[in-house]
């Protein structure tokens, strides 16, 4: 029974990452003109995976300082904005939903000890 939460969290997180990868990296719409140099094409093709890599490294650096939930929310917001998502309300709803789900699953239900950001009497 104890293995259910890690499996559910891993599957849910994997599906979310797959969705982000498919939507923003692999299935992106090509709106650039066709007369680009090889250097410009390489820069355009490496931009999105580079953003994912840089945001992931920033997330790992911020995790001990901001705590799991807050750094997770900030990470997703930066990732969505870096991948050219222009709908702020949708970005906030998705990032908040994922953050709340992971917080409940990992910290509240599984009782994992993850880094937290303290606001005095309240910590997340």
C-alpha atoms as a PDB file:
ATOM      1  CA  UNK A   1       0.000   0.000   0.000  1.00  0.00           C
ATOM      2  CA  UNK A   2       2.855   2.392   0.761  1.00  0.00           C
ATOM      3  CA  UNK A   3       4.053   2.186  -2.850  1.00  0.00           C
ATOM      4  CA  UNK A   4       0.831   3.671  -4.285  1.00  0.00           C
ATOM      5  CA  UNK A   5       1.675   7.342  -3.664  1.00  0.00           C
ATOM      6  CA  UNK A   6       5.159   7.210  -5.230  1.00  0.00           C
ATOM      7  CA  UNK A   7       3.761   5.399  -8.259  1.00  0.00           C
ATOM      8  CA  UNK A   8       0.841   7.831  -8.621  1.00  0.00           C
ATOM      9  CA  UNK A   9       3.172  10.817  -8.198  1.00  0.00           C
ATOM     10  CA  UNK A  10       5.721   9.426 -10.667  1.00  0.00           C
ATOM     11  CA  UNK A  11       3.067   8.633 -13.283  1.00  0.00           C
ATOM     12  CA  UNK A  12       1.346  12.007 -12.822  1.00  0.00           C
ATOM     13  CA  UNK A  13       4.626  13.910 -12.941  1.00  0.00           C
ATOM     14  CA  UNK A  14       5.785  11.914 -15.941  1.00  0.00           C
ATOM     15  CA  UNK A  15       2.571  12.681 -17.826  1.00  0.00           C
ATOM     16  CA  UNK A  16       2.920  16.379 -17.029  1.00  0.00           C
ATOM     17  CA  UNK A  17       6.543  16.436 -18.219  1.00  0.00           C
ATOM     18  CA  UNK A  18       5.588  14.521 -21.358  1.00  0.00           C
ATOM     19  CA  UNK A  19       2.844  17.058 -22.065  1.00  0.00           C
ATOM     20  CA  UNK A  20       5.250  19.970 -21.621  1.00  0.00           C
ATOM     21  CA  UNK A  21       7.896  18.260 -23.753  1.00  0.00           C
ATOM     22  CA  UNK A  22       5.452  17.465 -26.558  1.00  0.00           C
ATOM     23  CA  UNK A  23       3.689  20.839 -26.576  1.00  0.00           C
ATOM     24  CA  UNK A  24       6.639  23.181 -26.234  1.00  0.00           C
ATOM     25  CA  UNK A  25       9.687  21.290 -27.510  1.00  0.00           C
ATOM     26  CA  UNK A  26       8.846  18.533 -29.979  1.00  0.00           C
ATOM     27  CA  UNK A  27       5.568  19.681 -31.571  1.00  0.00           C
ATOM     28  CA  UNK A  28       6.265  23.400 -31.778  1.00  0.00           C
ATOM     29  CA  UNK A  29       4.917  25.312 -34.729  1.00  0.00           C
ATOM     30  CA  UNK A  30       7.547  26.592 -37.160  1.00  0.00           C
ATOM     31  CA  UNK A  31       6.773  30.257 -37.803  1.00  0.00           C
ATOM     32  CA  UNK A  32      10.268  31.310 -38.862  1.00  0.00           C
ATOM     33  CA  UNK A  33      11.137  32.331 -42.423  1.00  0.00           C
ATOM     34  CA  UNK A  34      12.722  29.659 -44.602  1.00  0.00           C
ATOM     35  CA  UNK A  35      15.884  31.604 -45.512  1.00  0.00           C
ATOM     36  CA  UNK A  36      17.750  31.179 -42.207  1.00  0.00           C
ATOM     37  CA  UNK A  37      21.452  30.445 -41.975  1.00  0.00           C
ATOM     38  CA  UNK A  38      22.648  27.195 -40.420  1.00  0.00           C
ATOM     39  CA  UNK A  39      23.729  29.045 -37.280  1.00  0.00           C
ATOM     40  CA  UNK A  40      20.288  30.627 -36.859  1.00  0.00           C
ATOM     41  CA  UNK A  41      18.566  27.279 -37.381  1.00  0.00           C
ATOM     42  CA  UNK A  42      20.780  25.639 -34.718  1.00  0.00           C
ATOM     43  CA  UNK A  43      20.109  28.469 -32.268  1.00  0.00           C
ATOM     44  CA  UNK A  44      16.354  28.233 -32.869  1.00  0.00           C
ATOM     45  CA  UNK A  45      16.359  24.446 -32.449  1.00  0.00           C
ATOM     46  CA  UNK A  46      18.456  24.476 -29.259  1.00  0.00           C
ATOM     47  CA  UNK A  47      16.593  27.359 -27.588  1.00  0.00           C
ATOM     48  CA  UNK A  48      13.713  25.362 -26.126  1.00  0.00           C
ATOM     49  CA  UNK A  49      15.713  22.394 -24.785  1.00  0.00           C
ATOM     50  CA  UNK A  50      18.216  24.946 -23.439  1.00  0.00           C
ATOM     51  CA  UNK A  51      15.464  26.771 -21.569  1.00  0.00           C
ATOM     52  CA  UNK A  52      14.277  23.497 -20.023  1.00  0.00           C
ATOM     53  CA  UNK A  53      17.850  22.679 -18.954  1.00  0.00           C
ATOM     54  CA  UNK A  54      18.551  26.141 -17.520  1.00  0.00           C
ATOM     55  CA  UNK A  55      15.219  26.260 -15.655  1.00  0.00           C
ATOM     56  CA  UNK A  56      15.881  22.788 -14.230  1.00  0.00           C
ATOM     57  CA  UNK A  57      19.314  23.833 -12.964  1.00  0.00           C
ATOM     58  CA  UNK A  58      17.867  27.030 -11.457  1.00  0.00           C
ATOM     59  CA  UNK A  59      15.167  24.925  -9.778  1.00  0.00           C
ATOM     60  CA  UNK A  60      17.767  22.673  -8.161  1.00  0.00           C
ATOM     61  CA  UNK A  61      19.724  25.702  -6.931  1.00  0.00           C
ATOM     62  CA  UNK A  62      16.609  27.429  -5.551  1.00  0.00           C
ATOM     63  CA  UNK A  63      15.108  24.321  -3.948  1.00  0.00           C
ATOM     64  CA  UNK A  64      17.005  24.476  -0.620  1.00  0.00           C
ATOM     65  CA  UNK A  65      16.410  28.238  -0.292  1.00  0.00           C
ATOM     66  CA  UNK A  66      12.767  28.583  -1.393  1.00  0.00           C
ATOM     67  CA  UNK A  67      11.485  25.186  -0.344  1.00  0.00           C
ATOM     68  CA  UNK A  68       9.910  22.505  -2.483  1.00  0.00           C
ATOM     69  CA  UNK A  69       6.473  23.978  -3.116  1.00  0.00           C
ATOM     70  CA  UNK A  70       7.465  27.590  -3.754  1.00  0.00           C
ATOM     71  CA  UNK A  71      10.428  26.685  -5.963  1.00  0.00           C
ATOM     72  CA  UNK A  72       8.221  24.224  -7.868  1.00  0.00           C
ATOM     73  CA  UNK A  73       5.665  26.972  -8.581  1.00  0.00           C
ATOM     74  CA  UNK A  74       8.362  29.498  -9.615  1.00  0.00           C
ATOM     75  CA  UNK A  75      10.087  26.868 -11.766  1.00  0.00           C
ATOM     76  CA  UNK A  76       6.923  26.086 -13.694  1.00  0.00           C
ATOM     77  CA  UNK A  77       6.036  29.745 -14.189  1.00  0.00           C
ATOM     78  CA  UNK A  78       9.528  30.501 -15.559  1.00  0.00           C
ATOM     79  CA  UNK A  79       9.426  27.403 -17.727  1.00  0.00           C
ATOM     80  CA  UNK A  80       6.035  28.275 -19.208  1.00  0.00           C
ATOM     81  CA  UNK A  81       7.094  31.870 -19.890  1.00  0.00           C
ATOM     82  CA  UNK A  82      10.440  30.763 -21.338  1.00  0.00           C
ATOM     83  CA  UNK A  83       8.632  28.401 -23.686  1.00  0.00           C
ATOM     84  CA  UNK A  84       6.519  31.280 -25.055  1.00  0.00           C
ATOM     85  CA  UNK A  85       3.256  30.633 -23.258  1.00  0.00           C
ATOM     86  CA  UNK A  86       1.486  33.996 -23.193  1.00  0.00           C
ATOM     87  CA  UNK A  87      -1.592  33.147 -21.127  1.00  0.00           C
ATOM     88  CA  UNK A  88      -0.777  34.254 -17.572  1.00  0.00           C
ATOM     89  CA  UNK A  89      -4.024  33.045 -16.046  1.00  0.00           C
ATOM     90  CA  UNK A  90      -3.637  29.585 -17.566  1.00  0.00           C
ATOM     91  CA  UNK A  91       0.016  29.418 -16.500  1.00  0.00           C
ATOM     92  CA  UNK A  92      -0.857  30.326 -12.920  1.00  0.00           C
ATOM     93  CA  UNK A  93      -3.731  27.822 -12.768  1.00  0.00           C
ATOM     94  CA  UNK A  94      -1.638  24.945 -14.141  1.00  0.00           C
ATOM     95  CA  UNK A  95       1.416  25.747 -12.004  1.00  0.00           C
ATOM     96  CA  UNK A  96      -0.707  26.154  -8.871  1.00  0.00           C
ATOM     97  CA  UNK A  97      -2.608  22.929  -9.559  1.00  0.00           C
ATOM     98  CA  UNK A  98       0.563  20.907 -10.023  1.00  0.00           C
ATOM     99  CA  UNK A  99       2.189  22.506  -6.982  1.00  0.00           C
ATOM    100  CA  UNK A 100      -0.818  21.821  -4.742  1.00  0.00           C
ATOM    101  CA  UNK A 101      -1.069  18.230  -5.994  1.00  0.00           C
ATOM    102  CA  UNK A 102       2.619  17.554  -5.353  1.00  0.00           C
ATOM    103  CA  UNK A 103       2.525  19.294  -1.966  1.00  0.00           C
ATOM    104  CA  UNK A 104      -0.474  17.235  -0.858  1.00  0.00           C
ATOM    105  CA  UNK A 105       0.867  13.981  -2.259  1.00  0.00           C
ATOM    106  CA  UNK A 106       4.469  14.240  -1.099  1.00  0.00           C
ATOM    107  CA  UNK A 107       4.400  16.346   2.046  1.00  0.00           C
ATOM    108  CA  UNK A 108       0.922  15.897   3.508  1.00  0.00           C
ATOM    109  CA  UNK A 109       0.043  12.294   2.609  1.00  0.00           C
ATOM    110  CA  UNK A 110       3.440  10.623   2.260  1.00  0.00           C
ATOM    111  CA  UNK A 111       4.982  12.674   5.106  1.00  0.00           C
ATOM    112  CA  UNK A 112       8.210  13.215   3.168  1.00  0.00           C
ATOM    113  CA  UNK A 113      10.659  15.699   4.594  1.00  0.00           C
ATOM    114  CA  UNK A 114      11.339  18.150   1.788  1.00  0.00           C
ATOM    115  CA  UNK A 115      12.868  21.627   1.984  1.00  0.00           C
ATOM    116  CA  UNK A 116      10.358  24.214   3.174  1.00  0.00           C
ATOM    117  CA  UNK A 117      10.247  28.002   3.100  1.00  0.00           C
ATOM    118  CA  UNK A 118       9.323  29.450   6.488  1.00  0.00           C
ATOM    119  CA  UNK A 119       7.104  32.536   6.808  1.00  0.00           C
ATOM    120  CA  UNK A 120       7.411  32.683  10.582  1.00  0.00           C
ATOM    121  CA  UNK A 121       4.535  30.604  11.959  1.00  0.00           C
ATOM    122  CA  UNK A 122       3.566  29.317   8.501  1.00  0.00           C
ATOM    123  CA  UNK A 123       5.794  27.238   6.247  1.00  0.00           C
ATOM    124  CA  UNK A 124       5.315  25.750   2.806  1.00  0.00           C
END
